[in-house]
Protein backbone atom coordinates (compact mmCIF):
# COMPACT_ATOMS: atom_id res chain seq x y z
CA UNK A 1 80.09 73.92 112.82
CA UNK A 2 79.42 73.68 116.56
CA UNK A 3 79.17 76.70 118.62
CA UNK A 4 79.13 77.76 122.40
CA UNK A 5 76.06 79.01 123.93
CA UNK A 6 75.74 82.88 123.14
CA UNK A 7 74.98 85.50 125.34
CA UNK A 8 74.51 89.09 125.10
CA UNK A 9 74.13 88.85 121.54
CA UNK A 10 77.96 87.73 120.33
CA UNK A 11 78.49 86.08 117.13
CA UNK A 12 79.11 82.18 116.65
CA UNK A 13 82.39 81.27 118.30
CA UNK A 14 83.82 77.40 117.17
CA UNK A 15 83.73 75.33 120.25
CA UNK A 16 86.46 73.47 118.71
CA UNK A 17 88.58 76.52 119.15
CA UNK A 18 91.89 76.24 120.82
CA UNK A 19 92.19 78.30 123.97
CA UNK A 20 95.57 79.04 123.71
CA UNK A 21 95.53 80.20 119.72
CA UNK A 22 97.08 83.41 120.37
CA UNK A 23 100.28 81.75 122.06
CA UNK A 24 101.80 80.85 118.50
CA UNK A 25 99.43 82.75 116.11
CA UNK A 26 100.37 84.54 112.74
CA UNK A 27 98.77 87.60 112.68
CA UNK A 28 98.60 89.88 109.48
CA UNK A 29 98.29 93.58 110.15
CA UNK A 30 95.88 95.23 107.65
CA UNK A 31 96.25 98.83 107.19
CA UNK A 32 92.68 99.33 105.53
CA UNK A 33 93.39 102.58 103.97
CA UNK A 34 96.22 100.62 101.32
CA UNK A 35 95.24 97.12 101.51
CA UNK A 36 92.44 96.94 98.58
CA UNK A 37 90.19 99.23 97.11
CA UNK A 38 86.87 97.54 96.60
CA UNK A 39 84.88 100.64 95.36
CA UNK A 40 87.46 102.22 92.79
CA UNK A 41 87.64 105.73 94.73
CA UNK A 42 91.81 105.08 95.26
CA UNK A 43 91.20 104.46 99.27
CA UNK A 44 91.37 100.85 100.53
CA UNK A 45 88.37 99.65 102.41
CA UNK A 46 86.30 96.89 103.58
CA UNK A 47 84.87 95.53 100.49
CA UNK A 48 88.78 95.02 99.25
CA UNK A 49 89.80 93.29 102.42
CA UNK A 50 86.57 90.96 101.55
CA UNK A 51 87.54 90.10 98.00
CA UNK A 52 90.94 89.46 98.98
CA UNK A 53 90.42 87.22 102.09
CA UNK A 54 90.80 84.23 99.79
CA UNK A 55 94.48 85.63 99.37
CA UNK A 56 95.18 86.05 103.46
CA UNK A 57 93.61 82.42 103.93
CA UNK A 58 96.31 80.86 101.49
CA UNK A 59 98.89 82.82 103.19
CA UNK A 60 98.36 81.22 105.87
CA UNK A 61 97.46 83.56 108.85
CA UNK A 62 95.67 82.86 111.91
CA UNK A 63 94.33 86.44 112.72
CA UNK A 64 93.94 89.91 111.03
CA UNK A 65 94.86 92.99 113.11
CA UNK A 66 93.15 96.13 111.59
CA UNK A 67 94.37 99.43 112.40
CA UNK A 68 91.85 101.98 113.34
CA UNK A 69 88.78 101.91 110.65
CA UNK A 70 86.73 104.17 113.06
CA UNK A 71 85.08 108.00 111.71
CA UNK A 72 88.29 110.25 111.98
CA UNK A 73 89.80 113.60 110.34
CA UNK A 74 92.93 111.55 109.67
CA UNK A 75 95.19 113.76 111.22
CA UNK A 76 97.10 110.83 112.07
CA UNK A 77 96.11 108.37 110.18
CA UNK A 78 92.99 107.43 112.01
CA UNK A 79 94.69 107.45 115.34
CA UNK A 80 92.45 110.67 115.60
CA UNK A 81 89.20 108.62 116.93
CA UNK A 82 86.04 110.63 116.40
CA UNK A 83 83.89 107.63 116.90
CA UNK A 84 84.62 104.35 118.28
CA UNK A 85 81.44 102.63 117.99
CA UNK A 86 81.40 103.13 113.81
CA UNK A 87 83.16 102.78 110.57
CA UNK A 88 84.80 105.61 108.67
CA UNK A 89 82.34 106.00 105.68
CA UNK A 90 85.77 105.66 103.37
CA UNK A 91 85.92 102.93 104.57
CA UNK A 92 82.54 100.79 104.69
CA UNK A 93 79.55 100.69 107.41
CA UNK A 94 79.58 98.89 110.51
CA UNK A 95 77.09 96.04 109.29
CA UNK A 96 80.20 95.38 106.62
CA UNK A 97 82.61 95.33 109.35
CA UNK A 98 80.59 92.56 111.22
CA UNK A 99 80.38 90.78 108.09
CA UNK A 100 83.95 91.04 107.44
CA UNK A 101 84.46 89.32 111.06
CA UNK A 102 82.04 86.30 110.05
CA UNK A 103 83.37 85.59 106.60
CA UNK A 104 86.85 85.94 107.95
CA UNK A 105 85.96 83.58 110.91
CA UNK A 106 84.63 81.15 108.69
CA UNK A 107 87.78 80.99 106.94
CA UNK A 108 89.52 80.14 110.20
CA UNK A 109 90.74 83.89 110.72
CA UNK A 110 90.16 85.84 113.63
CA UNK A 111 89.77 89.54 113.76
CA UNK A 112 91.96 91.94 116.22
CA UNK A 113 90.87 95.26 116.39
CA UNK A 114 92.58 98.77 117.49
CA UNK A 115 91.68 100.91 120.51
CA UNK A 116 93.23 104.01 121.00
CA UNK A 117 92.78 104.63 124.72
CA UNK A 118 95.31 107.45 125.23
CA UNK A 119 93.69 110.02 123.33
CA UNK A 120 90.63 111.25 121.23
CA UNK A 121 89.95 113.21 118.08
CA UNK A 122 89.25 116.97 118.95
CA UNK A 123 86.39 116.42 116.86
CA UNK A 124 85.04 113.74 119.33
CA UNK A 125 82.00 115.03 120.82
CA UNK A 126 83.46 115.22 124.37
CA UNK A 127 86.09 117.63 123.16
CA UNK A 128 83.67 119.79 121.64
CA UNK A 129 81.97 119.64 124.80
CA UNK A 130 84.77 120.34 126.78
CA UNK A 131 85.53 123.52 124.32
CA UNK A 132 81.99 124.97 124.49
CA UNK A 133 81.67 124.23 128.14
CA UNK A 134 84.31 126.32 129.28
CA UNK A 135 86.92 126.30 132.41
CA UNK A 136 86.21 124.40 135.63
CA UNK A 137 83.44 122.48 133.87
CA UNK A 138 82.81 119.00 134.24
CA UNK A 139 83.22 118.01 130.50
CA UNK A 140 86.73 119.47 130.88
CA UNK A 141 87.55 117.16 133.52
CA UNK A 142 87.75 114.39 131.07
CA UNK A 143 91.07 115.80 129.66
CA UNK A 144 93.74 117.91 131.12
CA UNK A 145 92.95 121.24 130.44
CA UNK A 146 94.96 123.45 132.62
CA UNK A 147 96.33 127.07 133.45
CA UNK A 148 99.49 128.33 131.89
CA UNK A 149 102.39 129.50 133.80
CA UNK A 150 103.72 133.08 134.25
CA UNK A 151 101.65 136.56 135.24
CA UNK A 152 99.37 136.31 132.15
CA UNK A 153 99.26 132.45 131.51
CA UNK A 154 101.35 132.18 128.67
CA UNK A 155 103.72 129.61 129.79
CA UNK A 156 102.86 126.55 128.86
CA UNK A 157 102.07 124.14 132.28
CA UNK A 158 104.65 121.58 131.59
CA UNK A 159 107.76 121.12 129.17
CA UNK A 160 107.12 117.56 128.10
CA UNK A 161 107.91 116.38 124.89
CA UNK A 162 106.02 115.09 122.11
CA UNK A 163 106.29 111.32 120.92
CA UNK A 164 105.88 113.44 117.67
CA UNK A 165 108.49 115.80 118.75
CA UNK A 166 107.47 119.15 119.73
CA UNK A 167 105.35 120.77 122.45
CA UNK A 168 102.70 118.86 124.19
CA UNK A 169 100.05 121.51 125.20
CA UNK A 170 97.68 124.23 123.16
CA UNK A 171 96.10 127.16 124.22
CA UNK A 172 92.40 127.04 123.80
CA UNK A 173 90.39 130.69 123.01
CA UNK A 174 87.58 131.96 125.38
CA UNK A 175 83.92 132.48 123.57
CA UNK A 176 84.98 136.42 124.55
CA UNK A 177 87.87 136.10 122.01
CA UNK A 178 90.61 135.91 124.85
CA UNK A 179 93.41 133.39 125.70
CA UNK A 180 92.25 130.45 127.43
CA UNK A 181 93.38 127.58 129.38
CA UNK A 182 95.59 124.78 127.92
CA UNK A 183 95.19 121.38 127.16
CA UNK A 184 97.77 118.13 126.79
CA UNK A 185 98.20 115.75 123.87
CA UNK A 186 100.85 113.81 123.77
CA UNK A 187 100.91 113.67 119.92
CA UNK A 188 99.34 116.20 117.81
CA UNK A 189 97.26 118.95 118.69
CA UNK A 190 94.30 117.17 117.13
CA UNK A 191 94.77 114.23 119.73
CA UNK A 192 93.54 115.76 123.13
CA UNK A 193 94.63 113.10 125.96
CA UNK A 194 92.15 111.54 127.85
CA UNK A 195 91.97 111.88 131.58
CA UNK A 196 92.20 108.08 133.13
CA UNK A 197 91.74 109.05 136.53
CA UNK A 198 88.26 110.07 135.48
CA UNK A 199 85.36 107.23 136.01
CA UNK A 200 83.67 108.42 132.61
CA UNK A 201 87.05 107.54 130.83
CA UNK A 202 87.44 104.37 132.24
CA UNK A 203 83.85 103.07 132.09
CA UNK A 204 83.72 104.33 128.41
CA UNK A 205 86.66 102.26 127.09
CA UNK A 206 85.11 99.05 128.89
CA UNK A 207 81.61 99.46 127.03
CA UNK A 208 83.71 99.85 124.00
CA UNK A 209 85.37 96.84 124.36
CA UNK A 210 82.15 95.10 125.29
CA UNK A 211 80.79 96.97 121.84
CA UNK A 212 83.35 95.02 119.58
CA UNK A 213 83.52 91.51 121.71
CA UNK A 214 79.76 91.62 120.83
CA UNK A 215 80.47 91.54 117.35
CA UNK A 216 82.75 89.04 117.55
CA UNK A 217 86.54 90.66 117.43
CA UNK A 218 88.89 88.01 118.82
CA UNK A 219 91.07 90.89 120.42
CA UNK A 220 91.93 94.17 120.49
CA UNK A 221 96.00 95.67 120.41
CA UNK A 222 95.88 98.51 122.59
CA UNK A 223 97.82 101.84 121.21
CA UNK A 224 100.27 103.74 123.42
CA UNK A 225 98.98 101.71 126.18
CA UNK A 226 102.14 102.29 128.29
CA UNK A 227 100.80 106.36 128.49
CA UNK A 228 97.43 106.58 129.48
CA UNK A 229 98.33 107.57 133.37
CA UNK A 230 99.75 111.19 133.76
CA UNK A 231 100.55 112.37 137.23
CA UNK A 232 98.23 114.97 138.01
CA UNK A 233 101.09 116.90 139.79
CA UNK A 234 102.12 117.79 136.35
CA UNK A 235 106.15 117.60 137.51
CA UNK A 236 108.68 117.67 134.91
CA UNK A 237 110.29 114.80 133.38
CA UNK A 238 112.76 113.79 136.08
CA UNK A 239 111.53 115.41 138.96
CA UNK A 240 110.54 112.80 140.77
CA UNK A 241 112.80 109.17 140.50
CA UNK A 242 112.22 105.71 140.67
CA UNK A 243 110.51 103.53 139.05
CA UNK A 244 106.87 104.27 137.98
CA UNK A 245 107.55 108.00 138.33
CA UNK A 246 107.53 109.63 135.16
CA UNK A 247 104.83 111.45 134.83
CA UNK A 248 103.64 110.15 131.55
CA UNK A 249 104.97 106.97 130.79
CA UNK A 250 104.81 103.15 132.42
CA UNK A 251 103.01 104.31 135.40
CA UNK A 252 102.23 101.85 138.45
CA UNK A 253 97.96 102.73 138.28
CA UNK A 254 98.04 101.49 134.88
CA UNK A 255 98.06 97.69 135.95
CA UNK A 256 94.18 98.65 137.27
CA UNK A 257 93.19 99.33 134.00
CA UNK A 258 94.40 96.18 132.22
CA UNK A 259 93.11 93.90 135.30
CA UNK A 260 89.79 95.57 134.47
CA UNK A 261 90.08 95.00 131.05
CA UNK A 262 91.11 91.31 131.26
CA UNK A 263 88.02 90.46 133.65
CA UNK A 264 86.19 91.60 130.05
CA UNK A 265 87.75 89.83 128.00
CA UNK A 266 87.70 86.46 129.73
CA UNK A 267 83.87 86.91 130.67
CA UNK A 268 83.16 86.41 126.66
CA UNK A 269 83.52 82.60 125.46
CA UNK A 270 86.73 81.64 123.49
CA UNK A 271 89.85 83.52 124.57
CA UNK A 272 89.37 87.31 123.52
CA UNK A 273 93.27 88.76 123.58
CA UNK A 274 94.33 91.89 125.07
CA UNK A 275 97.66 92.85 122.99
CA UNK A 276 99.52 96.11 123.85
CA UNK A 277 101.89 98.20 122.33
CA UNK A 278 104.07 99.12 124.86
CA UNK A 279 107.55 100.53 124.27
CA UNK A 280 109.35 99.83 127.53
CA UNK A 281 112.82 99.61 127.76
CA UNK A 282 112.80 97.71 131.33
CA UNK A 283 112.28 94.24 130.37
CA UNK A 284 110.92 93.60 133.63
CA UNK A 285 108.56 96.59 133.57
CA UNK A 286 107.43 95.43 130.13
CA UNK A 287 106.45 91.84 131.23
CA UNK A 288 104.48 93.19 134.31
CA UNK A 289 101.91 94.03 131.39
CA UNK A 290 102.01 90.15 131.43
CA UNK A 291 101.42 88.51 134.46
CA UNK A 292 98.35 86.50 133.80
CA UNK A 293 95.43 88.93 135.27
CA UNK A 294 96.57 91.39 132.54
CA UNK A 295 97.67 91.77 128.68
CA UNK A 296 97.93 88.23 126.61
CA UNK A 297 100.75 89.75 124.58
CA UNK A 298 102.65 92.32 123.96
CA UNK A 299 104.28 93.71 120.73
CA UNK A 300 108.33 93.13 121.11
CA UNK A 301 109.86 96.34 119.92
CA UNK A 302 113.48 95.44 121.18
CA UNK A 303 113.91 92.68 118.18
CA UNK A 304 112.72 94.96 115.39
CA UNK A 305 115.21 97.93 116.48
CA UNK A 306 118.27 95.66 116.59
CA UNK A 307 120.87 96.31 114.06
CA UNK A 308 121.92 93.08 111.22
CA UNK A 309 123.64 90.45 112.96
CA UNK A 310 123.87 87.54 114.63
CA UNK A 311 125.13 88.60 118.47
CA UNK A 312 122.38 91.30 118.08
CA UNK A 313 119.51 88.83 117.36
CA UNK A 314 120.68 86.42 119.86
CA UNK A 315 121.00 88.99 122.88
CA UNK A 316 117.51 90.38 121.97
CA UNK A 317 116.01 86.84 121.38
CA UNK A 318 117.78 85.35 124.53
CA UNK A 319 116.79 88.64 126.73
CA UNK A 320 113.26 88.69 125.47
CA UNK A 321 112.33 84.49 125.86
CA UNK A 322 114.18 84.79 129.34
CA UNK A 323 112.22 87.75 130.41
CA UNK A 324 108.22 86.22 129.32
CA UNK A 325 109.31 83.27 131.16
CA UNK A 326 108.42 83.97 134.53
CA UNK A 327 105.05 85.68 133.69
CA UNK A 328 104.00 82.49 131.42
CA UNK A 329 103.35 84.99 128.45
CA UNK A 330 104.57 83.99 124.80
CA UNK A 331 106.66 86.45 122.97
CA UNK A 332 105.87 88.09 119.74
CA UNK A 333 108.07 88.71 116.72
CA UNK A 334 107.72 91.29 114.52
CA UNK A 335 110.19 93.10 111.41
CA UNK A 336 108.02 95.92 110.62
CA UNK A 337 104.58 97.86 110.76
CA UNK A 338 102.56 100.95 109.83
CA UNK A 339 105.28 103.00 111.98
CA UNK A 340 108.90 101.48 110.96
CA UNK A 341 110.69 101.48 107.77
CA UNK A 342 110.30 98.52 105.66
CA UNK A 343 112.48 95.52 106.33
CA UNK A 344 114.29 95.35 102.63
CA UNK A 345 115.05 99.38 103.19
CA UNK A 346 116.16 99.28 106.71
CA UNK A 347 118.57 96.14 106.00
CA UNK A 348 120.18 97.28 103.43
CA UNK A 349 121.51 100.52 104.99
CA UNK A 350 124.72 100.76 106.60
CA UNK A 351 123.30 101.27 110.38
CA UNK A 352 120.38 98.78 110.26
CA UNK A 353 118.98 99.87 113.22
CA UNK A 354 115.84 101.32 113.70
CA UNK A 355 115.00 104.39 116.00
CA UNK A 356 111.95 106.93 115.04
CA UNK A 357 114.25 109.89 115.37
CA UNK A 358 117.25 109.01 113.61
CA UNK A 359 114.50 108.59 110.55
CA UNK A 360 115.79 111.20 107.43
CA UNK A 361 115.65 111.99 103.72
CA UNK A 362 118.42 110.37 101.56
CA UNK A 363 120.01 107.49 103.45
CA UNK A 364 121.64 105.43 101.02
CA UNK A 365 120.62 101.77 100.78
CA UNK A 366 121.30 98.66 98.81
CA UNK A 367 117.76 97.00 98.12
CA UNK A 368 119.34 93.69 96.80
CA UNK A 369 121.33 93.66 100.67
CA UNK A 370 118.15 94.23 101.95
CA UNK A 371 115.79 91.69 100.37
CA UNK A 372 118.22 88.98 100.90
CA UNK A 373 118.43 89.76 104.95
CA UNK A 374 114.74 90.79 104.81
CA UNK A 375 113.96 87.21 103.88
CA UNK A 376 116.25 85.88 106.01
CA UNK A 377 115.20 87.79 108.91
CA UNK A 378 111.34 86.69 107.95
CA UNK A 379 112.58 82.83 108.34
CA UNK A 380 114.23 83.64 111.65
CA UNK A 381 111.23 85.12 113.84
CA UNK A 382 109.04 82.70 111.93
CA UNK A 383 111.06 79.83 113.68
CA UNK A 384 111.05 81.55 117.14
CA UNK A 385 108.87 80.57 119.95
CA UNK A 386 105.49 82.73 120.32
CA UNK A 387 102.97 84.66 117.68
CA UNK A 388 104.37 86.18 114.56
CA UNK A 389 103.31 89.40 113.22
CA UNK A 390 103.04 90.56 109.52
CA UNK A 391 102.77 93.68 108.23
CA UNK A 392 100.94 93.72 104.84
CA UNK A 393 103.39 93.98 102.36
CA UNK A 394 106.41 92.69 104.00
CA UNK A 395 105.45 89.09 102.17
CA UNK A 396 106.30 90.83 99.01
CA UNK A 397 109.38 92.15 100.10
CA UNK A 398 108.09 95.75 99.69
CA UNK A 399 110.59 98.59 99.92
CA UNK A 400 110.18 101.86 101.77
CA UNK A 401 109.04 104.41 99.56
CA UNK A 402 111.27 107.43 99.96
CA UNK A 403 110.45 109.39 97.38
CA UNK A 404 106.50 110.63 97.85
CA UNK A 405 105.90 114.06 96.46
CA UNK A 406 106.41 115.85 99.58
CA UNK A 407 102.83 117.68 98.70
CA UNK A 408 101.24 114.01 99.11
CA UNK A 409 103.06 113.20 102.66
CA UNK A 410 100.22 113.65 105.20
CA UNK A 411 102.25 111.86 108.18
CA UNK A 412 102.20 114.34 110.90
CA UNK A 413 105.63 113.25 111.93
CA UNK A 414 107.04 114.66 108.91
CA UNK A 415 105.61 118.37 110.01
CA UNK A 416 106.58 118.64 113.45
CA UNK A 417 109.82 117.77 112.83
CA UNK A 418 109.86 120.65 110.55
CA UNK A 419 110.64 118.46 107.40
CA UNK A 420 113.62 116.74 108.08
CA UNK A 421 111.50 113.59 109.45
CA UNK A 422 110.45 111.59 105.92
CA UNK A 423 107.38 110.18 108.36
CA UNK A 424 105.45 107.15 108.36
CA UNK A 425 103.77 107.31 104.89
CA UNK A 426 106.83 105.36 102.33
CA UNK A 427 105.36 102.41 104.49
CA UNK A 428 101.98 103.12 104.00
CA UNK A 429 102.02 102.96 100.24
CA UNK A 430 98.96 100.57 98.56
CA UNK A 431 99.78 97.41 97.86
CA UNK A 432 100.37 95.98 94.40
CA UNK A 433 98.12 93.14 93.32
CA UNK A 434 98.42 92.85 89.28
CA UNK A 435 99.12 94.36 85.97
CA UNK A 436 102.40 96.30 84.46
CA UNK A 437 101.41 99.89 85.75
CA UNK A 438 99.69 101.52 88.95
CA UNK A 439 97.33 101.36 90.35
CA UNK A 440 98.49 97.66 89.90
CA UNK A 441 94.59 96.16 90.89
CA UNK A 442 94.84 97.97 94.29
CA UNK A 443 91.78 99.81 92.48
CA UNK A 444 90.00 99.37 89.56
CA UNK A 445 90.68 101.05 86.38
CA UNK A 446 93.07 103.71 86.23
CA UNK A 447 91.75 104.83 89.66
CA UNK A 448 94.74 106.64 91.39
CA UNK A 449 95.66 105.11 94.62
CA UNK A 450 95.93 107.98 97.83
CA UNK A 451 99.75 107.40 97.36
CA UNK A 452 101.22 106.93 94.35
CA UNK A 453 102.88 103.58 94.04
CA UNK A 454 106.73 103.22 92.25
CA UNK A 455 106.43 102.14 88.62
CA UNK A 456 108.96 99.37 89.15
CA UNK A 457 106.49 97.98 91.79
CA UNK A 458 105.61 95.54 88.35
CA UNK A 459 107.43 92.76 89.39
CA UNK A 460 106.36 92.63 93.06
CA UNK A 461 102.79 92.14 92.57
CA UNK A 462 100.65 89.61 93.80
CA UNK A 463 100.18 88.05 90.34
CA UNK A 464 103.87 88.28 89.58
CA UNK A 465 105.06 86.59 92.53
CA UNK A 466 102.40 83.94 92.42
CA UNK A 467 103.98 82.55 89.23
CA UNK A 468 107.28 82.45 90.58
CA UNK A 469 108.58 80.01 93.17
CA UNK A 470 111.68 81.83 94.47
CA UNK A 471 109.27 84.70 95.07
CA UNK A 472 109.07 86.22 98.65
CA UNK A 473 105.54 85.78 98.55
CA UNK A 474 106.01 81.74 98.14
CA UNK A 475 108.87 82.10 100.61
CA UNK A 476 106.10 83.61 103.08
CA UNK A 477 103.69 81.09 101.81
CA UNK A 478 106.18 78.20 102.69
CA UNK A 479 107.81 79.40 106.04
CA UNK A 480 104.05 79.69 107.36
CA UNK A 481 102.96 76.44 105.49
CA UNK A 482 105.76 74.63 107.79
CA UNK A 483 105.04 76.43 110.77
CA UNK A 484 101.17 74.95 110.81
CA UNK A 485 103.00 71.17 109.82
CA UNK A 486 105.64 71.26 112.11
CA UNK A 487 104.90 70.32 115.87
CA UNK A 488 108.05 71.92 116.78
CA UNK A 489 107.08 75.80 115.73
CA UNK A 490 105.21 77.81 117.46
CA UNK A 491 104.89 78.04 121.25
CA UNK A 492 107.57 75.91 123.27
CA UNK A 493 111.47 75.71 124.11
CA UNK A 494 114.27 77.09 121.96
CA UNK A 495 117.38 75.55 122.37
CA UNK A 496 120.99 77.19 121.03
CA UNK A 497 123.06 74.94 118.97
CA UNK A 498 126.10 76.25 119.75
CA UNK A 499 128.22 72.92 119.13
CA UNK A 500 127.08 73.01 115.61
CA UNK A 501 128.21 76.46 115.16
CA UNK A 502 132.33 75.91 114.56
CA UNK A 503 131.67 73.58 111.97
CA UNK A 504 129.27 75.99 109.71
CA UNK A 505 131.65 78.63 109.63
CA UNK A 506 134.66 76.25 109.36
CA UNK A 507 135.27 77.42 105.90
CA UNK A 508 135.51 80.73 103.86
CA UNK A 509 135.50 84.03 105.50
CA UNK A 510 132.79 84.00 107.87
CA UNK A 511 133.21 83.26 111.15
CA UNK A 512 131.43 81.33 114.50
CA UNK A 513 130.30 85.43 115.31
CA UNK A 514 128.53 85.18 112.05
CA UNK A 515 126.22 82.42 112.69
CA UNK A 516 122.95 82.04 114.77
CA UNK A 517 121.84 78.54 115.46
CA UNK A 518 118.96 76.99 117.44
CA UNK A 519 117.13 73.65 117.51
CA UNK A 520 113.44 73.27 118.23
CA UNK A 521 113.04 70.11 119.83
CA UNK A 522 115.01 67.11 118.46
CA UNK A 523 113.80 67.54 114.60
CA UNK A 524 114.15 70.96 113.68
CA UNK A 525 116.89 73.49 113.36
CA UNK A 526 117.26 77.21 112.05
CA UNK A 527 120.41 78.54 110.83
CA UNK A 528 120.91 82.11 110.17
CA UNK A 529 124.44 83.59 108.41
CA UNK A 530 124.65 87.08 109.04
CA UNK A 531 128.48 87.06 107.46
CA UNK A 532 128.86 87.59 103.58
CA UNK A 533 130.46 84.70 102.85
CA UNK A 534 128.30 81.01 102.32
CA UNK A 535 128.55 78.52 104.81
CA UNK A 536 128.59 74.80 105.71
CA UNK A 537 125.16 73.27 106.89
CA UNK A 538 125.63 70.84 109.56
CA UNK A 539 126.08 66.81 108.62
CA UNK A 540 123.20 64.85 109.09
CA UNK A 541 120.63 67.38 108.25
CA UNK A 542 118.15 68.04 105.32
CA UNK A 543 117.17 71.31 104.06
CA UNK A 544 113.25 72.04 104.79
CA UNK A 545 113.32 75.85 103.33
CA UNK A 546 116.09 78.51 102.34
CA UNK A 547 115.42 82.01 102.06
CA UNK A 548 118.00 81.78 99.03
CA UNK A 549 119.54 79.36 96.91
CA UNK A 550 122.30 76.95 98.37
CA UNK A 551 125.35 77.90 96.34
CA UNK A 552 127.24 74.35 96.16
CA UNK A 553 125.26 72.83 98.74
CA UNK A 554 126.32 75.89 101.42
CA UNK A 555 124.68 78.58 102.56
CA UNK A 556 124.98 81.82 101.07
CA UNK A 557 125.55 85.09 102.99
CA UNK A 558 122.45 87.05 104.65
CA UNK A 559 120.65 83.64 103.99
CA UNK A 560 118.60 81.68 106.70
CA UNK A 561 117.73 78.17 106.32
CA UNK A 562 115.32 75.37 108.10
CA UNK A 563 116.42 72.22 108.69
CA UNK A 564 115.35 68.69 109.38
CA UNK A 565 117.54 66.96 111.59
CA UNK A 566 118.39 63.00 112.35
CA UNK A 567 117.29 61.82 116.02
CA UNK A 568 120.11 61.87 118.47
CA UNK A 569 120.76 59.71 120.98
CA UNK A 570 121.27 61.52 123.89
CA UNK A 571 119.89 64.75 125.22
CA UNK A 572 122.61 65.31 128.04
CA UNK A 573 124.80 67.02 125.46
CA UNK A 574 126.41 70.08 128.02
CA UNK A 575 126.53 72.26 125.48
CA UNK A 576 122.92 72.69 125.02
CA UNK A 577 120.87 76.18 126.13
CA UNK A 578 117.42 75.59 126.47
CA UNK A 579 115.18 78.59 127.23
CA UNK A 580 111.35 78.00 127.84
CA UNK A 581 108.60 80.16 128.08
CA UNK A 582 105.96 78.33 130.27
CA UNK A 583 102.64 77.59 129.00
CA UNK A 584 99.92 79.47 130.99
CA UNK A 585 96.82 77.42 131.48
CA UNK A 586 94.26 77.46 128.84
CA UNK A 587 91.18 79.83 129.42
CA UNK A 588 88.19 79.95 127.77
């Protein structure tokens, strides 16, 4: 294989790589702890991932995104990082990580890693040094140490609320046993926030980027990317008005950070992408992070949070594509991740929207309805312009595990809610690979997985679904194969197919309001029936793929279809509404 000339010791990158690969890539999220156990200790590891690379190749993915694999006390599932330049020994070694990156690349699969810049573990050497050095020391300037309010400093410096609920300040104890300063943590007390106004913090993260780019990673996913910069005056939320004035979120100074990161990424051969986790409601401020000299893409959480329905989905798709167009960035589409209730469960509920603070125990769900909708949603997002993210297990149609023993729950969201929030462990249960009983091939023999798998998962294993042509796994495989083969799919324009909707909804009790239909180019269309009754497919079309079997040639309720279209005579139809995302110039 021809390769680029290498500099700074980085590994081989194929010279024939498309520099715009990221604009239409299918990216598979690997939660290492729960993917596959290669050494039989009940915890997923890099050896397990390496052994399953063939599965990922057959699935048809272009890249893997790994949640944090660094040494960590796991106070928050690895997002409390102790050392950014090593691998947690429970997962393997740095040498294994380098092998995995290269073995995946040999199969045409790139690697994206998670970087967690907002905070570190309280066991990180920097924070331990800050605690030991005491008030006023240079070591403490890398964090947000501050005296408390009140006569004795007993009151917290601000009333900022944690993303995990609860207070955001913890008081230290001085060497003589007296109460000391407070330190800021927007998440758990084990995750002290870094002070991004300090040059050491900026320099360290730039070096972390170079460390992993030198080892061949194709990009980084930036955790909590809009939270890094804090207002040093520590105002309360709402004290200062206007865009960019929130004391802890989406501050304008952030863009200088990501411009410097982009310069580093662009200094490497091939395209090394920056992917932001950005929860910003204002769509314009969201896309400001995607200007040509900042991030390449960011997660689009708007679609994920929407309730089931054609109008809801169309509104999200239209707004997302329109907002991305001026900055020339592709949108991203994702149905779930390691933080979100799985779609099979979410779409089976009366309230199908998602919001972190609405998670509760005992919410009824219809798993059969949820699976139908999740399969339809998978075809919908796979047909949209831009890149596609798949969270491990969604390709198997796994539901949320909602009956985990309380004593096994580890997620701090559960504990900080006072036990009312079930937490996120239910979507992190280890994958079932084969067999009739747990651990379903996740670990060797009878090794107990770190979280228990439901016994009913025997029908959901990779082996069981591999043998069933109608399985969710084979639906994903077929969809990703067609996505690669069909020139209309991936990056490019989308056109709402409004003139076909009345005919589609012309029979039964389903209405036009239940139908979502769009074309990609002149030869492909996607139709989604979000109602409960079957609908007609347009005349002059042939079926490429559907999320469920047709009923007397009609598309059933809560289902989606991909269609091949006959060539049309004219492109001047006034009912056509086309949304285009302008393609960026190649970078390499």
